[in-house]
Amino acid sequence: MSAPPESTRVGWSREEMAQRAALDIPDGSYVNLGIGMPELIARFVPKGRELIYHTENGLLGMGPSPAEGMGDPELINAGKRQVTVVPGASFFQHPDSFAMIRGGHIDLCVLGALQVAQSGDLANWSTGEPGAIPAVGGAMDLVAGVKSIFVLTQHVTKHGDPKLVEACSYPLTGVGVVNRIYTDLAVVEVTPHGFQLVELAPGVSYEYVAERTGADLLPIAEGATK
């Protein structure tokens, strides 16, 4: 299976995926955003909610990236991307930041993924191939210490291979850690029975998603959002 050309893609854009994930973050949550696509979530705080974003290089109260040319080169997140701060933000050293993570003080983390298994196993730091550049960062600490883990990722690779699979073939970041997955095609819950479809992106059918999922996909439960 090959990935469709950009002009014929269906489903949510990267920004729409981030906005959809933000809707499920409870008011008042302390949230760590992983490097890459998850960083986009900082742009989308649902109206009427306060979300406090944490970055492991030492900032609590992170805002979205600044407009081009308006940022401070010394104010960056863990991915070296310039960010802003919100009123009441605080700065601290690395050990304090990881004490927050390891001590269970962060409510939710949103990470990217190479693969997610139907059991909730996550692989997101290396393909394990010879010459692959490892990039574990703080991900292993995050999946071990944070209360809930969301994944934000494309449903398939650029070659069309499923990212949601029966079992991960890449080195694991954590075992049984993922709670929910947000892709360009759907929202998927990880349950004791495997992948459970929660919501379809506009114009996307269950059959289309199931064909691109490398494990059984339970259909949307009766009465759920479609």
C-alpha atoms as a PDB file:
ATOM      1  CA  MET A   1       0.000   0.000   0.000  1.00  0.00           C
ATOM      2  CA  SER A   2       1.420   3.399  -0.922  1.00  0.00           C
ATOM      3  CA  ALA A   3       0.573   6.748   0.652  1.00  0.00           C
ATOM      4  CA  PRO A   4      -1.780   8.908  -1.412  1.00  0.00           C
ATOM      5  CA  PRO A   5      -0.489  12.087  -3.055  1.00  0.00           C
ATOM      6  CA  GLU A   6      -0.862  15.219  -0.914  1.00  0.00           C
ATOM      7  CA  SER A   7      -3.532  16.602  -3.266  1.00  0.00           C
ATOM      8  CA  THR A   8      -5.756  13.548  -2.710  1.00  0.00           C
ATOM      9  CA  ARG A   9      -5.316  13.125   1.030  1.00  0.00           C
ATOM     10  CA  VAL A  10      -8.414  12.681   3.163  1.00  0.00           C
ATOM     11  CA  GLY A  11      -9.036  13.296   6.823  1.00  0.00           C
ATOM     12  CA  TRP A  12      -7.672  15.879   9.235  1.00  0.00           C
ATOM     13  CA  SER A  13      -4.674  18.143   8.595  1.00  0.00           C
ATOM     14  CA  ARG A  14      -1.863  18.249  11.155  1.00  0.00           C
ATOM     15  CA  GLU A  15      -3.382  21.366  12.733  1.00  0.00           C
ATOM     16  CA  GLU A  16      -6.838  19.790  12.849  1.00  0.00           C
ATOM     17  CA  MET A  17      -5.382  16.674  14.492  1.00  0.00           C
ATOM     18  CA  ALA A  18      -3.757  18.851  17.153  1.00  0.00           C
ATOM     19  CA  GLN A  19      -6.954  20.811  17.711  1.00  0.00           C
ATOM     20  CA  ARG A  20      -8.979  17.590  18.013  1.00  0.00           C
ATOM     21  CA  ALA A  21      -6.552  16.180  20.599  1.00  0.00           C
ATOM     22  CA  ALA A  22      -6.679  19.433  22.604  1.00  0.00           C
ATOM     23  CA  LEU A  23     -10.450  19.031  22.963  1.00  0.00           C
ATOM     24  CA  ASP A  24      -9.933  15.891  25.057  1.00  0.00           C
ATOM     25  CA  ILE A  25      -7.490  17.435  27.539  1.00  0.00           C
ATOM     26  CA  PRO A  26      -9.342  18.196  30.804  1.00  0.00           C
ATOM     27  CA  ASP A  27      -9.434  21.709  32.199  1.00  0.00           C
ATOM     28  CA  GLY A  28      -6.566  22.494  34.564  1.00  0.00           C
ATOM     29  CA  SER A  29      -4.304  19.695  33.283  1.00  0.00           C
ATOM     30  CA  TYR A  30      -0.531  19.876  33.429  1.00  0.00           C
ATOM     31  CA  VAL A  31       0.526  18.689  29.973  1.00  0.00           C
ATOM     32  CA  ASN A  32       3.852  17.786  28.383  1.00  0.00           C
ATOM     33  CA  LEU A  33       4.012  18.076  24.598  1.00  0.00           C
ATOM     34  CA  GLY A  34       6.463  15.865  22.728  1.00  0.00           C
ATOM     35  CA  ILE A  35       8.760  17.050  19.956  1.00  0.00           C
ATOM     36  CA  GLY A  36       7.283  17.447  16.475  1.00  0.00           C
ATOM     37  CA  MET A  37       3.575  17.390  15.691  1.00  0.00           C
ATOM     38  CA  PRO A  38       2.471  17.353  19.365  1.00  0.00           C
ATOM     39  CA  GLU A  39       3.987  20.838  19.747  1.00  0.00           C
ATOM     40  CA  LEU A  40       1.122  22.157  17.588  1.00  0.00           C
ATOM     41  CA  ILE A  41      -1.325  21.474  20.423  1.00  0.00           C
ATOM     42  CA  ALA A  42      -0.011  24.543  22.273  1.00  0.00           C
ATOM     43  CA  ARG A  43      -1.881  26.659  19.684  1.00  0.00           C
ATOM     44  CA  PHE A  44      -5.216  25.163  20.657  1.00  0.00           C
ATOM     45  CA  VAL A  45      -6.506  25.725  24.162  1.00  0.00           C
ATOM     46  CA  PRO A  46     -10.265  25.079  24.095  1.00  0.00           C
ATOM     47  CA  LYS A  47     -12.352  28.097  25.065  1.00  0.00           C
ATOM     48  CA  GLY A  48     -13.067  28.222  28.778  1.00  0.00           C
ATOM     49  CA  ARG A  49     -10.193  25.892  29.736  1.00  0.00           C
ATOM     50  CA  GLU A  50      -6.763  26.468  31.215  1.00  0.00           C
ATOM     51  CA  LEU A  51      -4.082  23.990  30.155  1.00  0.00           C
ATOM     52  CA  ILE A  52      -0.613  24.354  31.661  1.00  0.00           C
ATOM     53  CA  TYR A  53       2.035  23.165  29.221  1.00  0.00           C
ATOM     54  CA  HIS A  54       5.329  21.746  30.508  1.00  0.00           C
ATOM     55  CA  THR A  55       8.565  21.218  28.605  1.00  0.00           C
ATOM     56  CA  GLU A  56      11.264  19.056  30.162  1.00  0.00           C
ATOM     57  CA  ASN A  57      14.072  21.535  29.490  1.00  0.00           C
ATOM     58  CA  GLY A  58      12.650  23.676  32.289  1.00  0.00           C
ATOM     59  CA  LEU A  59       9.459  25.634  31.641  1.00  0.00           C
ATOM     60  CA  LEU A  60       5.951  25.370  33.060  1.00  0.00           C
ATOM     61  CA  GLY A  61       3.477  27.690  31.361  1.00  0.00           C
ATOM     62  CA  MET A  62       4.647  27.338  27.760  1.00  0.00           C
ATOM     63  CA  GLY A  63       2.715  29.176  25.067  1.00  0.00           C
ATOM     64  CA  PRO A  64       2.669  28.586  21.286  1.00  0.00           C
ATOM     65  CA  SER A  65       5.527  29.411  18.937  1.00  0.00           C
ATOM     66  CA  PRO A  66       5.919  33.147  18.279  1.00  0.00           C
ATOM     67  CA  ALA A  67       5.330  34.843  14.953  1.00  0.00           C
ATOM     68  CA  GLU A  68       8.284  34.736  12.547  1.00  0.00           C
ATOM     69  CA  GLY A  69      11.048  37.043  13.759  1.00  0.00           C
ATOM     70  CA  MET A  70       9.280  37.856  17.046  1.00  0.00           C
ATOM     71  CA  GLY A  71      10.763  35.144  19.269  1.00  0.00           C
ATOM     72  CA  ASP A  72      13.526  35.061  21.845  1.00  0.00           C
ATOM     73  CA  PRO A  73      16.323  32.676  20.736  1.00  0.00           C
ATOM     74  CA  GLU A  74      16.930  31.746  24.380  1.00  0.00           C
ATOM     75  CA  LEU A  75      13.286  30.830  24.992  1.00  0.00           C
ATOM     76  CA  ILE A  76      12.901  27.355  23.489  1.00  0.00           C
ATOM     77  CA  ASN A  77      11.222  24.040  24.184  1.00  0.00           C
ATOM     78  CA  ALA A  78      12.835  20.589  24.358  1.00  0.00           C
ATOM     79  CA  GLY A  79      12.758  20.378  20.561  1.00  0.00           C
ATOM     80  CA  LYS A  80      14.802  23.618  20.274  1.00  0.00           C
ATOM     81  CA  ARG A  81      11.772  25.417  18.831  1.00  0.00           C
ATOM     82  CA  GLN A  82      11.131  28.975  19.985  1.00  0.00           C
ATOM     83  CA  VAL A  83       8.086  29.316  22.235  1.00  0.00           C
ATOM     84  CA  THR A  84       6.266  31.955  24.219  1.00  0.00           C
ATOM     85  CA  VAL A  85       5.307  32.013  27.897  1.00  0.00           C
ATOM     86  CA  VAL A  86       1.937  32.660  29.500  1.00  0.00           C
ATOM     87  CA  PRO A  87       1.345  34.867  32.566  1.00  0.00           C
ATOM     88  CA  GLY A  88       2.507  33.051  35.701  1.00  0.00           C
ATOM     89  CA  ALA A  89       4.998  30.812  33.864  1.00  0.00           C
ATOM     90  CA  SER A  90       7.995  29.505  35.788  1.00  0.00           C
ATOM     91  CA  PHE A  91      11.497  28.380  34.861  1.00  0.00           C
ATOM     92  CA  PHE A  92      13.567  25.706  36.596  1.00  0.00           C
ATOM     93  CA  GLN A  93      16.529  23.414  36.120  1.00  0.00           C
ATOM     94  CA  HIS A  94      16.499  20.031  34.431  1.00  0.00           C
ATOM     95  CA  PRO A  95      16.518  17.938  37.645  1.00  0.00           C
ATOM     96  CA  ASP A  96      13.433  19.757  38.918  1.00  0.00           C
ATOM     97  CA  SER A  97      11.686  19.257  35.576  1.00  0.00           C
ATOM     98  CA  PHE A  98      12.308  15.515  35.617  1.00  0.00           C
ATOM     99  CA  ALA A  99      11.300  15.331  39.277  1.00  0.00           C
ATOM    100  CA  MET A 100       7.904  16.645  38.161  1.00  0.00           C
ATOM    101  CA  ILE A 101       7.711  13.909  35.517  1.00  0.00           C
ATOM    102  CA  ARG A 102       9.052  11.033  37.608  1.00  0.00           C
ATOM    103  CA  GLY A 103       7.045  12.108  40.645  1.00  0.00           C
ATOM    104  CA  GLY A 104       3.734  11.759  38.796  1.00  0.00           C
ATOM    105  CA  HIS A 105       2.944  15.495  38.816  1.00  0.00           C
ATOM    106  CA  ILE A 106       2.230  15.765  35.064  1.00  0.00           C
ATOM    107  CA  ASP A 107      -1.314  14.756  34.169  1.00  0.00           C
ATOM    108  CA  LEU A 108      -0.979  14.034  30.475  1.00  0.00           C
ATOM    109  CA  CYS A 109       1.650  13.765  27.758  1.00  0.00           C
ATOM    110  CA  VAL A 110       1.176  13.883  23.996  1.00  0.00           C
ATOM    111  CA  LEU A 111       3.866  12.092  21.985  1.00  0.00           C
ATOM    112  CA  GLY A 112       4.568  11.183  18.387  1.00  0.00           C
ATOM    113  CA  ALA A 113       4.976   7.544  17.376  1.00  0.00           C
ATOM    114  CA  LEU A 114       6.662   5.224  14.960  1.00  0.00           C
ATOM    115  CA  GLN A 115       4.333   2.404  16.042  1.00  0.00           C
ATOM    116  CA  VAL A 116       1.623   1.775  18.615  1.00  0.00           C
ATOM    117  CA  ALA A 117       0.593  -1.792  19.442  1.00  0.00           C
ATOM    118  CA  GLN A 118      -2.982  -2.837  20.211  1.00  0.00           C
ATOM    119  CA  SER A 119      -1.800  -3.504  23.781  1.00  0.00           C
ATOM    120  CA  GLY A 120      -0.710   0.132  24.169  1.00  0.00           C
ATOM    121  CA  ASP A 121       3.001  -0.514  23.670  1.00  0.00           C
ATOM    122  CA  LEU A 122       4.769   2.525  22.193  1.00  0.00           C
ATOM    123  CA  ALA A 123       7.792   2.701  19.887  1.00  0.00           C
ATOM    124  CA  ASN A 124       8.843   6.253  19.128  1.00  0.00           C
ATOM    125  CA  TRP A 125      12.596   6.647  19.480  1.00  0.00           C
ATOM    126  CA  SER A 126      14.333   4.356  16.973  1.00  0.00           C
ATOM    127  CA  THR A 127      13.631   2.010  14.085  1.00  0.00           C
ATOM    128  CA  GLY A 128      16.445  -0.233  15.305  1.00  0.00           C
ATOM    129  CA  GLU A 129      18.004  -0.240  11.855  1.00  0.00           C
ATOM    130  CA  PRO A 130      21.812  -0.121  11.521  1.00  0.00           C
ATOM    131  CA  GLY A 131      22.875   3.512  11.470  1.00  0.00           C
ATOM    132  CA  ALA A 132      19.537   4.743  12.854  1.00  0.00           C
ATOM    133  CA  ILE A 133      19.958   7.825  15.004  1.00  0.00           C
ATOM    134  CA  PRO A 134      18.474   7.181  18.462  1.00  0.00           C
ATOM    135  CA  ALA A 135      16.346  10.018  19.812  1.00  0.00           C
ATOM    136  CA  VAL A 136      14.816   8.779  23.048  1.00  0.00           C
ATOM    137  CA  GLY A 137      15.074  12.151  24.815  1.00  0.00           C
ATOM    138  CA  GLY A 138      12.778  12.188  27.841  1.00  0.00           C
ATOM    139  CA  ALA A 139      10.175   9.895  26.296  1.00  0.00           C
ATOM    140  CA  MET A 140      10.925   6.880  28.506  1.00  0.00           C
ATOM    141  CA  ASP A 141      10.636   9.014  31.627  1.00  0.00           C
ATOM    142  CA  LEU A 142       7.410  10.535  30.343  1.00  0.00           C
ATOM    143  CA  VAL A 143       5.628   7.254  29.587  1.00  0.00           C
ATOM    144  CA  ALA A 144       6.723   5.870  32.956  1.00  0.00           C
ATOM    145  CA  GLY A 145       5.799   8.888  35.089  1.00  0.00           C
ATOM    146  CA  VAL A 146       2.908  10.716  33.424  1.00  0.00           C
ATOM    147  CA  LYS A 147      -0.643   9.675  34.299  1.00  0.00           C
ATOM    148  CA  SER A 148      -2.102   9.504  30.751  1.00  0.00           C
ATOM    149  CA  ILE A 149      -0.435   9.192  27.353  1.00  0.00           C
ATOM    150  CA  PHE A 150      -1.935  10.428  24.086  1.00  0.00           C
ATOM    151  CA  VAL A 151      -0.278   9.790  20.718  1.00  0.00           C
ATOM    152  CA  LEU A 152      -0.536  12.206  17.793  1.00  0.00           C
ATOM    153  CA  THR A 153       0.627  10.674  14.514  1.00  0.00           C
ATOM    154  CA  GLN A 154      -0.233   9.985  10.893  1.00  0.00           C
ATOM    155  CA  HIS A 155      -2.195   6.748  10.528  1.00  0.00           C
ATOM    156  CA  VAL A 156       0.352   5.280   8.093  1.00  0.00           C
ATOM    157  CA  THR A 157       3.964   5.967   7.178  1.00  0.00           C
ATOM    158  CA  LYS A 158       4.980   7.843   4.028  1.00  0.00           C
ATOM    159  CA  HIS A 159       5.295   4.393   2.428  1.00  0.00           C
ATOM    160  CA  GLY A 160       1.738   3.459   3.441  1.00  0.00           C
ATOM    161  CA  ASP A 161       2.657   1.040   6.233  1.00  0.00           C
ATOM    162  CA  PRO A 162       0.331   0.994   9.271  1.00  0.00           C
ATOM    163  CA  LYS A 163       1.549   2.674  12.441  1.00  0.00           C
ATOM    164  CA  LEU A 164      -1.175   1.033  14.526  1.00  0.00           C
ATOM    165  CA  VAL A 165      -0.120  -2.614  14.689  1.00  0.00           C
ATOM    166  CA  GLU A 166      -0.648  -5.909  16.511  1.00  0.00           C
ATOM    167  CA  ALA A 167       2.857  -5.784  18.007  1.00  0.00           C
ATOM    168  CA  CYS A 168       5.642  -3.245  17.615  1.00  0.00           C
ATOM    169  CA  SER A 169       8.622  -4.353  15.550  1.00  0.00           C
ATOM    170  CA  TYR A 170      10.716  -1.346  16.624  1.00  0.00           C
ATOM    171  CA  PRO A 171      12.464  -0.932  20.011  1.00  0.00           C
ATOM    172  CA  LEU A 172       9.918  -0.042  22.680  1.00  0.00           C
ATOM    173  CA  THR A 173       9.677   3.224  24.568  1.00  0.00           C
ATOM    174  CA  GLY A 174       7.155   1.804  27.021  1.00  0.00           C
ATOM    175  CA  VAL A 175       4.910  -1.224  27.530  1.00  0.00           C
ATOM    176  CA  GLY A 176       1.147  -0.782  27.743  1.00  0.00           C
ATOM    177  CA  VAL A 177       1.396   2.981  28.173  1.00  0.00           C
ATOM    178  CA  VAL A 178      -0.764   4.539  25.430  1.00  0.00           C
ATOM    179  CA  ASN A 179      -4.345   5.482  26.254  1.00  0.00           C
ATOM    180  CA  ARG A 180      -5.581   7.190  23.083  1.00  0.00           C
ATOM    181  CA  ILE A 181      -4.333   7.834  19.533  1.00  0.00           C
ATOM    182  CA  TYR A 182      -5.155  10.779  17.265  1.00  0.00           C
ATOM    183  CA  THR A 183      -4.369  10.320  13.584  1.00  0.00           C
ATOM    184  CA  ASP A 184      -5.293  12.073  10.361  1.00  0.00           C
ATOM    185  CA  LEU A 185      -8.061   9.484   9.896  1.00  0.00           C
ATOM    186  CA  ALA A 186      -9.519   8.794  13.315  1.00  0.00           C
ATOM    187  CA  VAL A 187      -9.451   8.894  17.091  1.00  0.00           C
ATOM    188  CA  VAL A 188      -8.684   5.448  18.494  1.00  0.00           C
ATOM    189  CA  GLU A 189      -8.822   4.273  22.110  1.00  0.00           C
ATOM    190  CA  VAL A 190      -6.524   1.541  23.421  1.00  0.00           C
ATOM    191  CA  THR A 191      -8.704  -0.877  25.402  1.00  0.00           C
ATOM    192  CA  PRO A 192      -8.224  -4.322  27.008  1.00  0.00           C
ATOM    193  CA  HIS A 193      -9.879  -5.667  23.836  1.00  0.00           C
ATOM    194  CA  GLY A 194      -7.544  -3.834  21.434  1.00  0.00           C
ATOM    195  CA  PHE A 195      -8.059  -0.765  19.262  1.00  0.00           C
ATOM    196  CA  GLN A 196     -11.503   0.819  19.649  1.00  0.00           C
ATOM    197  CA  LEU A 197     -12.599   3.400  17.091  1.00  0.00           C
ATOM    198  CA  VAL A 198     -13.910   6.522  18.844  1.00  0.00           C
ATOM    199  CA  GLU A 199     -14.368   9.013  16.019  1.00  0.00           C
ATOM    200  CA  LEU A 200     -13.808   9.194  12.278  1.00  0.00           C
ATOM    201  CA  ALA A 201     -12.375  12.220  10.507  1.00  0.00           C
ATOM    202  CA  PRO A 202     -14.890  13.903   8.161  1.00  0.00           C
ATOM    203  CA  GLY A 203     -15.376  11.965   4.935  1.00  0.00           C
ATOM    204  CA  VAL A 204     -13.552   8.880   6.223  1.00  0.00           C
ATOM    205  CA  SER A 205     -15.263   5.504   6.535  1.00  0.00           C
ATOM    206  CA  TYR A 206     -14.665   2.729   9.037  1.00  0.00           C
ATOM    207  CA  GLU A 207     -13.599   0.414   6.213  1.00  0.00           C
ATOM    208  CA  TYR A 208     -11.008   2.936   4.997  1.00  0.00           C
ATOM    209  CA  VAL A 209      -9.447   3.181   8.456  1.00  0.00           C
ATOM    210  CA  ALA A 210      -9.618  -0.558   9.158  1.00  0.00           C
ATOM    211  CA  GLU A 211      -7.800  -1.301   5.893  1.00  0.00           C
ATOM    212  CA  ARG A 212      -4.959   0.984   7.017  1.00  0.00           C
ATOM    213  CA  THR A 213      -4.716  -0.420  10.535  1.00  0.00           C
ATOM    214  CA  GLY A 214      -2.345  -3.303  11.158  1.00  0.00           C
ATOM    215  CA  ALA A 215      -4.551  -4.925  13.803  1.00  0.00           C
ATOM    216  CA  ASP A 216      -8.236  -5.525  14.446  1.00  0.00           C
ATOM    217  CA  LEU A 217     -10.176  -2.282  14.845  1.00  0.00           C
ATOM    218  CA  LEU A 218     -13.391  -2.401  16.841  1.00  0.00           C
ATOM    219  CA  PRO A 219     -16.090  -0.185  15.276  1.00  0.00           C
ATOM    220  CA  ILE A 220     -17.491   2.892  16.965  1.00  0.00           C
ATOM    221  CA  ALA A 221     -19.561   1.911  19.967  1.00  0.00           C
ATOM    222  CA  GLU A 222     -23.293   2.505  19.668  1.00  0.00           C
ATOM    223  CA  GLY A 223     -24.186   6.036  20.732  1.00  0.00           C
ATOM    224  CA  ALA A 224     -20.640   7.386  20.332  1.00  0.00           C
ATOM    225  CA  THR A 225     -19.682  10.381  18.147  1.00  0.00           C
ATOM    226  CA  LYS A 226     -19.403   9.475  14.478  1.00  0.00           C
END
